[in-house]
Amino acid sequence: MELRICGQMRGEAFGPFRIYHFSNGLSLNIGGDEAFLRGGPKHYKVYESPKGTGEFEFPASQYASLVDKIIEEYGLDVVAATDKNFSERGGLFTTFTPAGEPTHVLPPSEAIFRIKGGYVGGADTYFSNEILGKFLKLDYYCRVLLTKSVEGNLDSGALGFCANIKGAIKDGALGPNELDSLLTNALQSDDPIKDAFFLSNLNALSDDIRNTFSRACYHFARMTEYLWKVNQMDIETDSMCKNLGSAADQSKEFIHSSTLSDRVADEFSSSIIASYSTLDLMYRYFVFVTREPFGEPDFPIKLHFPDSQPQSAVRFNIEELPGCLLDDEIAFAIPNLPPNTFKALRLFRNDVVHNMAADEIRSSVYIGISTPFINNDRLQYVQYLTRDIGNDGGLVRHPWVHRFYEQGLDAQCLTHKWLTQILQCIFDTIEWLARWLRNKIVMLGVVNSDFELLS
């Protein structure tokens, strides 16, 4: 899935990356005038620099097309990249080039996502900052509505009072009862205390969304790292599998269980929990901004992401909304989502939260080489399967058995797909709210419809 991001990007954070990590433990190492698709500790496929470029280095302009070629050839997903320097020695693995020279390979360190023009990494830095910039736009629109002025400047005394109160609470110097007393006295003045707390809580919710999504991406990157490390086991010489085939060129696949595979399952579960929590928080933010009367600082409570009825997020007549809010350009905004888009994710999360493990008995992954899964090429791969999902988006069950695996669903690819959809939901929902707030500003007569608000 390619992300669509409305408006300008705040900065350049595109690849090319030095190392692309595909699903199933394969990595693309680009260096010199060649690129190596590595599968396992000693098997690789060489891709030479395009002829006629006149360059000694593999041209950066060809990185994306090479990645796309591998995706089409093997049916893999690009899920992560390495952003560390090779001078950082931790976690290095030694493999060999075709010339027999040893080279170091770094494990994946961050999730990456596809957007128009290439891949973007840094879910904990770049995307966090990109989302922050768009949340700040919403903050400005809210200030315009509160102050009924284009500048949106709120009284500094009220903002300072709110900041001091929040600081005292964080330091443990203030409890709920003391806060009530302070607020009762402060609200007797003409200072816009409620407005200041509304803006402060608005920013707190946006911080929670960014932090929780970053946590989901962090756990996914660790899941990808552990899968990659499992695939560094030499399937042809390791004592666990050396007797699974006698010929060196024979294809083989076996089930592997170890502390590493246990960590794969743990990180999968943690990413699932944080992923759906991001949707819950995004919904609370949506309600916080759109509810009436506008500007109430109370945090929404007892709210859960309305996956089965996303249009219920809008508490007013959706048919009266301007057409710009129903645009296909923001199809993943919460009110525009098809019902049950995230049903399987919700049910996965519920099972994990209620102490049902991701796997029965113990987690296990498949390790193979030269099988049809990898086009019978001499490449080693690893795959962690998760339970089947029905046509209605629910989890396939039987009264006597909780989990089925007929579909061969890849847990790594499924999690990355969900993360991409959640990121799209965040961007589209923010854009929906920006259009809704701007329309509200115009309707209240703060500005004319053709007036350009500050950006």
Protein backbone atom coordinates (compact mmCIF):
# COMPACT_ATOMS: atom_id res chain seq x y z
CA MET A 1 0.00 0.00 0.00
CA GLU A 2 1.33 3.43 -0.96
CA LEU A 3 0.66 6.20 1.53
CA ARG A 4 -1.11 9.35 0.36
CA ILE A 5 -0.21 12.47 2.30
CA CYS A 6 -2.22 15.63 1.62
CA GLY A 7 -0.30 18.88 1.49
CA GLN A 8 3.40 19.56 1.61
CA MET A 9 5.88 17.30 3.36
CA ARG A 10 7.82 19.24 6.00
CA GLY A 11 11.17 17.83 4.99
CA GLU A 12 12.97 15.30 2.86
CA ALA A 13 13.32 11.91 4.51
CA PHE A 14 13.25 9.61 1.52
CA GLY A 15 15.67 6.83 0.92
CA PRO A 16 17.71 5.52 -0.65
CA PHE A 17 18.78 3.47 2.32
CA ARG A 18 22.01 1.53 2.50
CA ILE A 19 20.23 -1.69 3.44
CA TYR A 20 16.61 -2.53 2.67
CA HIS A 21 15.04 -5.33 4.67
CA PHE A 22 12.33 -7.35 3.00
CA SER A 23 9.86 -9.65 4.66
CA ASN A 24 10.91 -13.22 5.46
CA GLY A 25 14.43 -12.36 6.56
CA LEU A 26 15.88 -11.22 3.22
CA SER A 27 17.91 -8.01 2.86
CA LEU A 28 19.16 -5.92 -0.05
CA ASN A 29 22.69 -4.59 0.50
CA ILE A 30 23.70 -1.90 -1.98
CA GLY A 31 27.34 -1.01 -2.40
CA GLY A 32 29.79 -0.19 -5.15
CA ASP A 33 28.33 -1.00 -8.55
CA GLU A 34 26.45 -4.08 -7.33
CA ALA A 35 23.59 -4.93 -5.03
CA PHE A 36 23.22 -8.21 -3.17
CA LEU A 37 19.92 -9.78 -2.20
CA ARG A 38 20.91 -11.82 0.83
CA GLY A 39 18.92 -14.77 2.09
CA GLY A 40 20.57 -16.35 5.11
CA PRO A 41 24.20 -16.09 6.21
CA LYS A 42 25.90 -17.11 2.95
CA HIS A 43 23.44 -17.12 0.04
CA TYR A 44 22.85 -14.12 -2.18
CA LYS A 45 21.76 -12.99 -5.61
CA VAL A 46 23.72 -10.29 -7.43
CA TYR A 47 22.12 -7.33 -9.20
CA GLU A 48 24.56 -5.29 -11.26
CA SER A 49 24.34 -1.54 -11.74
CA PRO A 50 22.29 -0.63 -14.83
CA LYS A 51 24.44 -0.47 -17.93
CA GLY A 52 25.23 2.88 -19.46
CA THR A 53 25.00 4.91 -16.25
CA GLY A 54 28.68 5.80 -16.42
CA GLU A 55 28.95 5.56 -12.64
CA PHE A 56 31.11 3.44 -10.39
CA GLU A 57 28.48 3.54 -7.67
CA PHE A 58 25.05 1.98 -7.95
CA PRO A 59 22.98 5.05 -8.91
CA ALA A 60 20.58 6.20 -6.19
CA SER A 61 17.94 6.90 -8.83
CA GLN A 62 17.77 3.15 -9.50
CA TYR A 63 17.26 2.05 -5.88
CA ALA A 64 13.45 2.24 -5.98
CA SER A 65 13.17 0.42 -9.32
CA LEU A 66 15.47 -2.34 -8.07
CA VAL A 67 13.41 -2.73 -4.90
CA ASP A 68 10.23 -2.89 -7.00
CA LYS A 69 11.82 -5.50 -9.25
CA ILE A 70 12.59 -7.75 -6.26
CA ILE A 71 9.08 -7.27 -4.87
CA GLU A 72 7.58 -8.38 -8.18
CA GLU A 73 10.03 -11.23 -8.60
CA TYR A 74 9.59 -12.81 -5.17
CA GLY A 75 6.32 -11.39 -3.83
CA LEU A 76 8.08 -9.89 -0.81
CA ASP A 77 7.26 -6.70 1.08
CA VAL A 78 9.76 -3.98 1.99
CA VAL A 79 9.25 -3.56 5.71
CA ALA A 80 12.36 -2.03 7.30
CA ALA A 81 15.74 -0.44 6.74
CA THR A 82 19.03 0.00 8.54
CA ASP A 83 19.77 3.54 9.61
CA LYS A 84 22.86 2.84 11.77
CA ASN A 85 26.42 3.55 10.71
CA PHE A 86 28.75 0.67 10.04
CA SER A 87 31.09 2.16 12.64
CA GLU A 88 28.56 1.08 15.25
CA ARG A 89 29.74 -2.45 15.79
CA GLY A 90 26.84 -3.76 17.84
CA GLY A 91 24.74 -6.44 16.14
CA LEU A 92 27.00 -6.94 13.14
CA PHE A 93 26.94 -10.22 11.24
CA THR A 94 29.76 -11.39 9.00
CA THR A 95 28.91 -12.65 5.52
CA PHE A 96 30.93 -12.83 2.31
CA THR A 97 30.88 -11.10 -1.05
CA PRO A 98 31.17 -13.05 -4.32
CA ALA A 99 34.90 -12.32 -4.26
CA GLY A 100 35.17 -14.08 -0.92
CA GLU A 101 35.77 -10.90 1.06
CA PRO A 102 34.05 -10.69 4.45
CA THR A 103 31.47 -7.94 4.84
CA HIS A 104 29.34 -6.82 7.73
CA VAL A 105 25.57 -6.82 7.65
CA LEU A 106 23.45 -4.85 10.07
CA PRO A 107 20.04 -6.03 11.28
CA PRO A 108 16.95 -3.90 10.61
CA SER A 109 16.54 -0.92 12.90
CA GLU A 110 13.41 0.96 11.73
CA ALA A 111 10.15 0.34 9.90
CA ILE A 112 9.78 2.05 6.52
CA PHE A 113 6.73 2.86 4.40
CA ARG A 114 6.08 3.47 0.74
CA ILE A 115 4.96 6.90 -0.43
CA LYS A 116 4.91 8.44 -3.88
CA GLY A 117 8.49 8.69 -5.07
CA GLY A 118 10.11 6.18 -2.73
CA TYR A 119 10.27 4.91 0.82
CA VAL A 120 10.23 6.89 4.04
CA GLY A 121 11.76 5.69 7.28
CA GLY A 122 11.96 6.94 10.81
CA ALA A 123 8.54 6.19 12.26
CA ASP A 124 9.88 7.46 15.58
CA THR A 125 11.44 10.61 14.10
CA TYR A 126 10.39 11.61 10.61
CA PHE A 127 6.77 10.50 10.65
CA SER A 128 6.41 11.64 14.24
CA ASN A 129 7.56 15.12 13.20
CA GLU A 130 5.41 15.04 10.05
CA ILE A 131 2.32 14.18 12.09
CA LEU A 132 3.27 16.84 14.66
CA GLY A 133 3.35 19.50 11.93
CA LYS A 134 -0.18 18.58 10.85
CA PHE A 135 -1.44 18.50 14.46
CA LEU A 136 0.00 22.01 14.95
CA LYS A 137 -2.14 23.17 12.02
CA LEU A 138 -5.21 21.84 13.83
CA ASP A 139 -4.02 23.57 17.00
CA TYR A 140 -3.88 26.87 15.10
CA TYR A 141 -7.37 26.42 13.65
CA CYS A 142 -8.70 25.70 17.14
CA ARG A 143 -7.04 28.88 18.43
CA VAL A 144 -8.72 30.87 15.65
CA LEU A 145 -12.10 29.47 16.68
CA LEU A 146 -11.50 30.13 20.36
CA THR A 147 -10.23 33.69 19.92
CA LYS A 148 -12.29 34.52 16.81
CA SER A 149 -9.21 36.12 15.30
CA VAL A 150 -6.92 35.06 12.48
CA GLU A 151 -3.84 35.38 14.67
CA GLY A 152 -5.24 32.91 17.20
CA ASN A 153 -3.28 34.43 20.08
CA LEU A 154 -4.64 33.26 23.42
CA ASP A 155 -4.07 35.23 26.63
CA SER A 156 -0.56 34.48 27.86
CA GLY A 157 -1.66 34.64 31.50
CA ALA A 158 -4.13 31.80 31.02
CA LEU A 159 -1.58 29.73 29.12
CA GLY A 160 1.00 30.34 31.84
CA PHE A 161 -1.45 29.37 34.57
CA CYS A 162 -2.24 26.12 32.75
CA ALA A 163 1.44 25.34 32.22
CA ASN A 164 2.25 25.95 35.89
CA ILE A 165 -0.63 23.72 36.98
CA LYS A 166 0.46 20.89 34.65
CA GLY A 167 4.05 21.28 35.89
CA ALA A 168 3.00 21.04 39.54
CA ILE A 169 0.90 17.94 38.78
CA LYS A 170 3.84 16.29 37.04
CA ASP A 171 6.08 17.07 40.02
CA GLY A 172 3.57 15.38 42.34
CA ALA A 173 2.77 18.61 44.16
CA LEU A 174 -0.90 18.79 43.21
CA GLY A 175 -3.79 16.33 43.44
CA PRO A 176 -7.39 16.38 42.08
CA ASN A 177 -8.90 18.12 45.14
CA GLU A 178 -6.30 20.90 45.18
CA LEU A 179 -6.74 21.30 41.42
CA ASP A 180 -10.49 21.75 41.86
CA SER A 181 -9.92 24.55 44.36
CA LEU A 182 -7.44 26.33 42.12
CA LEU A 183 -9.72 26.04 39.08
CA THR A 184 -12.76 27.30 41.00
CA ASN A 185 -10.90 30.48 41.93
CA ALA A 186 -9.31 30.91 38.50
CA LEU A 187 -12.60 30.54 36.64
CA GLN A 188 -14.01 33.53 38.51
CA SER A 189 -11.67 35.76 36.54
CA ASP A 190 -12.07 36.84 32.94
CA ASP A 191 -9.02 34.86 31.85
CA PRO A 192 -9.76 32.14 29.23
CA ILE A 193 -8.72 29.31 31.56
CA LYS A 194 -10.96 26.71 29.91
CA ASP A 195 -9.56 27.60 26.49
CA ALA A 196 -6.00 27.21 27.76
CA PHE A 197 -6.73 23.76 29.21
CA PHE A 198 -8.54 22.74 26.02
CA LEU A 199 -5.46 23.55 23.93
CA SER A 200 -3.14 21.88 26.44
CA ASN A 201 -5.23 18.70 26.44
CA LEU A 202 -5.50 18.81 22.64
CA ASN A 203 -1.70 18.72 22.42
CA ALA A 204 -1.51 15.99 25.08
CA LEU A 205 -3.79 13.77 23.01
CA SER A 206 -1.75 14.37 19.86
CA ASP A 207 1.43 13.46 21.76
CA ASP A 208 -0.20 10.23 22.94
CA ILE A 209 -1.11 9.33 19.36
CA ARG A 210 2.40 9.94 18.04
CA ASN A 211 4.07 8.10 20.92
CA THR A 212 1.78 5.09 20.71
CA PHE A 213 2.20 4.74 16.95
CA SER A 214 5.97 5.04 17.36
CA ARG A 215 5.81 2.25 19.93
CA ALA A 216 3.87 0.05 17.49
CA CYS A 217 6.54 0.65 14.84
CA TYR A 218 9.33 0.02 17.34
CA HIS A 219 7.94 -3.40 18.26
CA PHE A 220 7.42 -4.23 14.60
CA ALA A 221 11.04 -3.33 13.83
CA ARG A 222 12.19 -5.58 16.68
CA MET A 223 9.96 -8.39 15.36
CA THR A 224 11.58 -7.94 11.95
CA GLU A 225 15.03 -7.94 13.56
CA TYR A 226 14.43 -11.21 15.40
CA LEU A 227 13.07 -12.87 12.26
CA TRP A 228 16.15 -11.71 10.38
CA LYS A 229 18.41 -13.09 13.12
CA VAL A 230 16.65 -16.47 12.98
CA ASN A 231 17.42 -16.50 9.26
CA GLN A 232 21.13 -16.07 9.96
CA MET A 233 21.24 -19.69 11.12
CA ASP A 234 22.92 -21.77 8.41
CA ILE A 235 20.22 -24.21 7.38
CA GLU A 236 22.78 -26.46 5.62
CA THR A 237 25.19 -26.92 8.51
CA ASP A 238 23.22 -26.28 11.70
CA SER A 239 22.84 -29.41 13.83
CA MET A 240 19.08 -28.84 14.07
CA CYS A 241 18.53 -29.28 10.34
CA LYS A 242 21.61 -30.78 8.69
CA ASN A 243 19.90 -34.17 8.39
CA LEU A 244 16.84 -32.82 6.61
CA GLY A 245 18.39 -33.41 3.19
CA SER A 246 21.53 -35.04 1.85
CA ALA A 247 22.15 -33.14 -1.37
CA ALA A 248 23.60 -29.65 -1.18
CA ASP A 249 21.13 -28.38 -3.75
CA GLN A 250 18.08 -29.99 -2.17
CA SER A 251 15.24 -27.74 -1.11
CA LYS A 252 14.18 -28.01 2.50
CA GLU A 253 11.98 -26.36 5.09
CA PHE A 254 11.53 -27.04 8.76
CA ILE A 255 9.90 -25.57 11.88
CA HIS A 256 12.19 -23.71 14.24
CA SER A 257 11.45 -22.92 17.90
CA SER A 258 13.84 -21.03 20.16
CA THR A 259 14.09 -18.00 22.41
CA LEU A 260 14.43 -15.92 19.23
CA SER A 261 11.14 -17.22 17.83
CA ASP A 262 9.55 -16.52 21.23
CA ARG A 263 10.73 -12.92 20.92
CA VAL A 264 9.21 -12.71 17.44
CA ALA A 265 5.82 -13.61 18.93
CA ASP A 266 6.27 -11.22 21.87
CA GLU A 267 7.07 -8.28 19.61
CA PHE A 268 4.19 -9.20 17.29
CA SER A 269 1.78 -9.10 20.26
CA SER A 270 3.19 -5.79 21.52
CA SER A 271 2.92 -4.18 18.09
CA ILE A 272 -0.69 -5.36 17.74
CA ILE A 273 -1.66 -3.83 21.10
CA ALA A 274 0.00 -0.48 20.37
CA SER A 275 -1.44 -0.40 16.84
CA TYR A 276 -5.06 -0.63 17.92
CA SER A 277 -4.44 1.71 20.87
CA THR A 278 -3.35 4.30 18.30
CA LEU A 279 -6.77 4.02 16.65
CA ASP A 280 -8.53 4.38 20.01
CA LEU A 281 -6.54 7.54 20.76
CA MET A 282 -7.15 8.98 17.29
CA TYR A 283 -10.89 8.52 17.82
CA ARG A 284 -10.74 10.30 21.20
CA TYR A 285 -8.91 13.17 19.55
CA PHE A 286 -11.59 13.32 16.82
CA VAL A 287 -14.39 13.49 19.39
CA PHE A 288 -12.49 16.03 21.49
CA VAL A 289 -12.31 18.43 18.52
CA THR A 290 -15.75 17.91 16.97
CA ARG A 291 -18.06 17.67 19.98
CA GLU A 292 -20.33 20.55 21.02
CA PRO A 293 -19.96 22.94 22.66
CA PHE A 294 -16.57 23.46 21.07
CA GLY A 295 -13.63 23.99 23.40
CA GLU A 296 -14.61 21.85 26.40
CA PRO A 297 -11.36 20.74 28.10
CA ASP A 298 -12.72 17.47 29.60
CA PHE A 299 -10.95 14.42 28.22
CA PRO A 300 -13.34 12.01 26.44
CA ILE A 301 -13.86 8.84 28.47
CA LYS A 302 -15.26 5.36 27.79
CA LEU A 303 -14.65 5.68 24.08
CA HIS A 304 -13.41 2.97 21.76
CA PHE A 305 -12.60 3.12 18.07
CA PRO A 306 -15.97 2.60 16.24
CA ASP A 307 -14.70 0.04 13.76
CA SER A 308 -18.08 -1.55 13.08
CA GLN A 309 -19.78 1.85 12.48
CA PRO A 310 -17.12 4.47 11.65
CA GLN A 311 -19.73 7.07 10.61
CA SER A 312 -20.95 7.13 14.21
CA ALA A 313 -17.83 9.16 14.98
CA VAL A 314 -19.71 12.17 13.57
CA ARG A 315 -22.21 13.31 16.20
CA PHE A 316 -24.13 15.56 13.78
CA ASN A 317 -25.98 14.99 10.49
CA ILE A 318 -23.33 13.61 8.16
CA GLU A 319 -25.49 14.48 5.13
CA GLU A 320 -25.04 18.17 5.92
CA LEU A 321 -21.26 17.95 5.79
CA PRO A 322 -19.49 19.78 2.96
CA GLY A 323 -18.40 17.57 0.08
CA CYS A 324 -14.72 18.13 0.84
CA LEU A 325 -15.11 15.93 3.93
CA LEU A 326 -16.36 12.98 1.86
CA ASP A 327 -13.57 13.20 -0.72
CA ASP A 328 -11.90 9.96 -1.83
CA GLU A 329 -8.63 11.76 -1.18
CA ILE A 330 -9.25 11.21 2.54
CA ALA A 331 -10.96 7.82 2.30
CA PHE A 332 -9.18 6.56 5.43
CA ALA A 333 -10.45 9.37 7.67
CA ILE A 334 -12.36 7.77 10.53
CA PRO A 335 -15.88 8.83 9.36
CA ASN A 336 -15.13 7.71 5.78
CA LEU A 337 -13.79 4.23 6.59
CA PRO A 338 -15.70 1.17 5.36
CA PRO A 339 -17.16 -0.76 8.31
CA ASN A 340 -14.87 -3.37 9.89
CA THR A 341 -11.71 -2.14 8.17
CA PHE A 342 -9.76 -2.98 11.32
CA LYS A 343 -11.99 -5.78 12.64
CA ALA A 344 -9.30 -8.47 12.52
CA LEU A 345 -6.80 -6.15 14.24
CA ARG A 346 -9.36 -5.41 16.95
CA LEU A 347 -10.02 -9.11 17.57
CA PHE A 348 -6.29 -9.90 17.56
CA ARG A 349 -5.76 -7.14 20.13
CA ASN A 350 -8.65 -8.34 22.30
CA ASP A 351 -7.28 -11.88 22.39
CA VAL A 352 -3.80 -10.72 23.35
CA VAL A 353 -5.05 -8.26 25.98
CA HIS A 354 -7.16 -11.00 27.54
CA ASN A 355 -4.07 -13.15 27.98
CA MET A 356 -4.53 -15.41 24.99
CA ALA A 357 -1.08 -15.97 23.49
CA ALA A 358 -0.32 -15.23 19.85
CA ASP A 359 0.39 -18.93 19.33
CA GLU A 360 -0.76 -22.21 20.82
CA ILE A 361 1.82 -23.99 23.01
CA ARG A 362 4.89 -22.14 21.68
CA SER A 363 5.71 -19.80 18.83
CA SER A 364 7.39 -21.35 15.83
CA VAL A 365 8.71 -20.08 12.52
CA TYR A 366 9.47 -21.85 9.26
CA ILE A 367 12.99 -21.75 7.83
CA GLY A 368 13.55 -22.90 4.28
CA ILE A 369 15.82 -22.75 1.27
CA SER A 370 15.33 -23.31 -2.48
CA THR A 371 11.60 -23.95 -2.20
CA PRO A 372 8.80 -22.65 -4.45
CA PHE A 373 8.19 -19.98 -1.79
CA ILE A 374 11.40 -18.29 -2.96
CA ASN A 375 11.07 -19.27 -6.65
CA ASN A 376 13.34 -22.27 -5.99
CA ASP A 377 16.33 -19.89 -5.87
CA ARG A 378 19.28 -20.65 -3.64
CA LEU A 379 18.14 -18.21 -0.97
CA GLN A 380 17.26 -18.89 2.64
CA TYR A 381 14.09 -17.42 4.16
CA VAL A 382 12.07 -17.43 7.36
CA GLN A 383 8.32 -17.09 7.86
CA TYR A 384 6.17 -16.59 10.95
CA LEU A 385 2.54 -17.52 10.31
CA THR A 386 -0.47 -16.19 12.13
CA ARG A 387 -4.06 -17.35 12.39
CA ASP A 388 -6.64 -17.29 9.59
CA ILE A 389 -8.98 -14.34 9.00
CA GLY A 390 -12.49 -14.90 7.62
CA ASN A 391 -14.16 -13.07 4.75
CA ASP A 392 -16.06 -10.92 7.26
CA GLY A 393 -12.80 -9.74 8.82
CA GLY A 394 -13.26 -11.91 11.89
CA LEU A 395 -10.90 -14.59 13.16
CA VAL A 396 -11.57 -18.14 11.99
CA ARG A 397 -12.55 -20.30 14.98
CA HIS A 398 -14.15 -23.60 15.88
CA PRO A 399 -15.81 -24.38 19.23
CA TRP A 400 -13.05 -26.89 19.93
CA VAL A 401 -10.10 -25.06 18.34
CA HIS A 402 -9.15 -21.38 18.61
CA ARG A 403 -6.71 -21.01 15.71
CA PHE A 404 -6.44 -22.21 12.12
CA TYR A 405 -3.58 -21.73 9.63
CA GLU A 406 -4.95 -22.85 6.24
CA GLN A 407 -4.40 -19.41 4.65
CA GLY A 408 -0.69 -19.25 5.42
CA LEU A 409 -0.97 -15.63 6.60
CA ASP A 410 2.41 -14.01 7.14
CA ALA A 411 2.32 -12.19 10.50
CA GLN A 412 5.10 -9.80 9.52
CA CYS A 413 3.43 -8.67 6.27
CA LEU A 414 0.02 -8.45 7.96
CA THR A 415 1.37 -6.23 10.75
CA HIS A 416 3.15 -3.94 8.29
CA LYS A 417 -0.09 -3.62 6.28
CA TRP A 418 -1.98 -2.62 9.42
CA LEU A 419 0.67 -0.08 10.39
CA THR A 420 0.48 1.46 6.91
CA GLN A 421 -3.32 1.65 7.08
CA ILE A 422 -3.21 3.20 10.56
CA LEU A 423 -0.72 5.80 9.38
CA GLN A 424 -3.03 6.59 6.46
CA CYS A 425 -5.94 6.85 8.90
CA ILE A 426 -3.99 9.34 11.03
CA PHE A 427 -3.10 11.57 8.06
CA ASP A 428 -6.59 11.40 6.51
CA THR A 429 -8.37 12.06 9.82
CA ILE A 430 -6.17 15.08 10.51
CA GLU A 431 -6.94 16.40 7.02
CA TRP A 432 -10.68 15.76 7.59
CA LEU A 433 -10.53 17.76 10.82
CA ALA A 434 -8.55 20.56 9.17
CA ARG A 435 -11.23 20.92 6.48
CA TRP A 436 -14.03 20.71 9.05
CA LEU A 437 -12.43 23.35 11.30
CA ARG A 438 -11.76 25.68 8.39
CA ASN A 439 -15.37 25.33 7.25
CA LYS A 440 -16.54 26.07 10.80
CA ILE A 441 -14.32 29.17 10.94
CA VAL A 442 -15.85 30.45 7.70
CA MET A 443 -19.42 29.70 8.84
CA LEU A 444 -18.87 31.65 12.07
CA GLY A 445 -17.75 34.64 10.02
CA VAL A 446 -14.23 34.75 11.43
CA VAL A 447 -12.86 34.88 7.86
CA ASN A 448 -14.27 34.83 4.34
CA SER A 449 -14.26 31.59 2.37
CA ASP A 450 -11.47 32.89 0.12
CA PHE A 451 -9.30 34.04 3.02
CA GLU A 452 -6.02 32.21 3.42
CA LEU A 453 -5.45 31.21 7.04
CA LEU A 454 -1.93 31.21 8.37
CA SER A 455 0.00 27.97 7.83
